[in-house]
Amino acid sequence: MAGQFVLSDYTSELMGCAIYDKLEDGTFSGQIPDCVGVLAFGTTLRACEAELRSTLEDWIVVGVTLGHRLPVIAGIDLNKGPVREPVDAV
């Protein structure tokens, strides 16, 4: 992890935790256990993965916007508030 792109690193780490299943009809489902509600389906594993990534990205944006508690992974904690420095700091 480079640390330069925190959201990209965060998304990649969570995608590494994804669980995929092949369904009876030959399609795929995917989920990320630590991210409640992040679930996707696709006709191929690649399509399912792409849909899961998109769903995860939306889930992160909504969570940050609404102040939901997000999982901490690989030392990346998006729950921290902004750090404010005094205006008169030298």
C-alpha atoms as a PDB file:
ATOM      1  CA  MET A   1       0.000   0.000   0.000  1.00  0.00           C
ATOM      2  CA  ALA A   2       1.410   3.327  -1.025  1.00  0.00           C
ATOM      3  CA  GLY A   3      -0.763   5.351   1.342  1.00  0.00           C
ATOM      4  CA  GLN A   4      -1.137   8.105  -1.213  1.00  0.00           C
ATOM      5  CA  PHE A   5      -4.658   7.119  -2.252  1.00  0.00           C
ATOM      6  CA  VAL A   6      -6.415   6.161   0.960  1.00  0.00           C
ATOM      7  CA  LEU A   7      -9.824   5.395  -0.579  1.00  0.00           C
ATOM      8  CA  SER A   8      -8.281   3.237  -3.308  1.00  0.00           C
ATOM      9  CA  ASP A   9      -6.209   1.356  -0.752  1.00  0.00           C
ATOM     10  CA  TYR A  10      -9.242   0.960   1.531  1.00  0.00           C
ATOM     11  CA  THR A  11     -11.392  -0.370  -1.320  1.00  0.00           C
ATOM     12  CA  SER A  12      -8.670  -2.780  -2.461  1.00  0.00           C
ATOM     13  CA  GLU A  13      -8.179  -4.147   1.055  1.00  0.00           C
ATOM     14  CA  LEU A  14     -11.917  -4.749   1.481  1.00  0.00           C
ATOM     15  CA  MET A  15     -12.189  -6.353  -1.977  1.00  0.00           C
ATOM     16  CA  GLY A  16      -9.498  -8.765  -0.807  1.00  0.00           C
ATOM     17  CA  CYS A  17     -11.972  -9.989   1.820  1.00  0.00           C
ATOM     18  CA  ALA A  18     -14.719 -10.668  -0.741  1.00  0.00           C
ATOM     19  CA  ILE A  19     -16.411 -14.061  -0.811  1.00  0.00           C
ATOM     20  CA  TYR A  20     -17.832 -15.368  -4.077  1.00  0.00           C
ATOM     21  CA  ASP A  21     -20.251 -18.213  -4.706  1.00  0.00           C
ATOM     22  CA  LYS A  22     -21.279 -19.893  -7.927  1.00  0.00           C
ATOM     23  CA  LEU A  23     -25.051 -20.215  -7.942  1.00  0.00           C
ATOM     24  CA  GLU A  24     -27.119 -23.117  -9.270  1.00  0.00           C
ATOM     25  CA  ASP A  25     -27.952 -21.234 -12.479  1.00  0.00           C
ATOM     26  CA  GLY A  26     -24.258 -20.669 -13.250  1.00  0.00           C
ATOM     27  CA  THR A  27     -24.189 -17.004 -12.191  1.00  0.00           C
ATOM     28  CA  PHE A  28     -22.136 -15.631  -9.309  1.00  0.00           C
ATOM     29  CA  SER A  29     -22.795 -13.779  -6.087  1.00  0.00           C
ATOM     30  CA  GLY A  30     -20.268 -11.846  -4.059  1.00  0.00           C
ATOM     31  CA  GLN A  31     -20.254 -10.230  -0.647  1.00  0.00           C
ATOM     32  CA  ILE A  32     -17.909  -8.554   1.793  1.00  0.00           C
ATOM     33  CA  PRO A  33     -18.704  -9.862   5.288  1.00  0.00           C
ATOM     34  CA  ASP A  34     -17.433  -6.781   7.169  1.00  0.00           C
ATOM     35  CA  CYS A  35     -19.609  -4.474   5.045  1.00  0.00           C
ATOM     36  CA  VAL A  36     -23.252  -5.165   5.835  1.00  0.00           C
ATOM     37  CA  GLY A  37     -25.386  -4.908   2.716  1.00  0.00           C
ATOM     38  CA  VAL A  38     -22.529  -5.034   0.211  1.00  0.00           C
ATOM     39  CA  LEU A  39     -23.733  -7.797  -2.089  1.00  0.00           C
ATOM     40  CA  ALA A  40     -23.602  -8.207  -5.854  1.00  0.00           C
ATOM     41  CA  PHE A  41     -24.513 -10.628  -8.612  1.00  0.00           C
ATOM     42  CA  GLY A  42     -23.098 -11.201 -12.086  1.00  0.00           C
ATOM     43  CA  THR A  43     -23.312 -13.579 -15.010  1.00  0.00           C
ATOM     44  CA  THR A  44     -19.541 -14.125 -14.770  1.00  0.00           C
ATOM     45  CA  LEU A  45     -17.129 -13.958 -11.875  1.00  0.00           C
ATOM     46  CA  ARG A  46     -15.477 -10.892 -13.431  1.00  0.00           C
ATOM     47  CA  ALA A  47     -18.855  -9.123 -13.836  1.00  0.00           C
ATOM     48  CA  CYS A  48     -19.756  -9.981 -10.251  1.00  0.00           C
ATOM     49  CA  GLU A  49     -16.445  -8.598  -9.002  1.00  0.00           C
ATOM     50  CA  ALA A  50     -16.927  -5.356 -10.946  1.00  0.00           C
ATOM     51  CA  GLU A  51     -20.472  -4.962  -9.592  1.00  0.00           C
ATOM     52  CA  LEU A  52     -19.269  -5.724  -6.052  1.00  0.00           C
ATOM     53  CA  ARG A  53     -16.541  -3.066  -6.318  1.00  0.00           C
ATOM     54  CA  SER A  54     -19.086  -0.507  -7.535  1.00  0.00           C
ATOM     55  CA  THR A  55     -21.478  -1.405  -4.721  1.00  0.00           C
ATOM     56  CA  LEU A  56     -18.653  -1.152  -2.173  1.00  0.00           C
ATOM     57  CA  GLU A  57     -17.587   2.265  -3.447  1.00  0.00           C
ATOM     58  CA  ASP A  58     -21.168   3.549  -3.155  1.00  0.00           C
ATOM     59  CA  TRP A  59     -21.465   2.003   0.321  1.00  0.00           C
ATOM     60  CA  ILE A  60     -18.288   3.809   1.447  1.00  0.00           C
ATOM     61  CA  VAL A  61     -19.475   7.178   0.094  1.00  0.00           C
ATOM     62  CA  VAL A  62     -22.862   6.827   1.808  1.00  0.00           C
ATOM     63  CA  GLY A  63     -21.203   5.695   5.044  1.00  0.00           C
ATOM     64  CA  VAL A  64     -18.767   8.608   5.142  1.00  0.00           C
ATOM     65  CA  THR A  65     -21.472  11.103   4.181  1.00  0.00           C
ATOM     66  CA  LEU A  66     -23.908   9.904   6.843  1.00  0.00           C
ATOM     67  CA  GLY A  67     -21.266   9.314   9.516  1.00  0.00           C
ATOM     68  CA  HIS A  68     -21.747   5.535   9.727  1.00  0.00           C
ATOM     69  CA  ARG A  69     -19.095   3.493  11.490  1.00  0.00           C
ATOM     70  CA  LEU A  70     -16.958   1.851   8.793  1.00  0.00           C
ATOM     71  CA  PRO A  71     -14.689  -1.145   9.356  1.00  0.00           C
ATOM     72  CA  VAL A  72     -11.019  -0.462  10.027  1.00  0.00           C
ATOM     73  CA  ILE A  73      -8.861  -2.576   7.724  1.00  0.00           C
ATOM     74  CA  ALA A  74      -5.084  -2.704   7.244  1.00  0.00           C
ATOM     75  CA  GLY A  75      -4.745   0.233   9.622  1.00  0.00           C
ATOM     76  CA  ILE A  76      -6.984   2.438   7.475  1.00  0.00           C
ATOM     77  CA  ASP A  77      -9.616   4.122   9.645  1.00  0.00           C
ATOM     78  CA  LEU A  78     -12.076   6.333   7.788  1.00  0.00           C
ATOM     79  CA  ASN A  79     -13.951   7.027  11.026  1.00  0.00           C
ATOM     80  CA  LYS A  80     -11.490   9.631  12.248  1.00  0.00           C
ATOM     81  CA  GLY A  81     -12.719  13.187  12.275  1.00  0.00           C
ATOM     82  CA  PRO A  82     -10.824  16.002  10.614  1.00  0.00           C
ATOM     83  CA  VAL A  83      -7.718  17.326  12.338  1.00  0.00           C
ATOM     84  CA  ARG A  84      -7.850  21.071  12.828  1.00  0.00           C
ATOM     85  CA  GLU A  85      -4.793  23.169  13.468  1.00  0.00           C
ATOM     86  CA  PRO A  86      -4.939  26.559  15.170  1.00  0.00           C
ATOM     87  CA  VAL A  87      -4.977  29.494  12.750  1.00  0.00           C
ATOM     88  CA  ASP A  88      -2.240  31.292  14.660  1.00  0.00           C
ATOM     89  CA  ALA A  89       0.153  28.315  14.610  1.00  0.00           C
ATOM     90  CA  VAL A  90       3.712  29.255  13.711  1.00  0.00           C
END
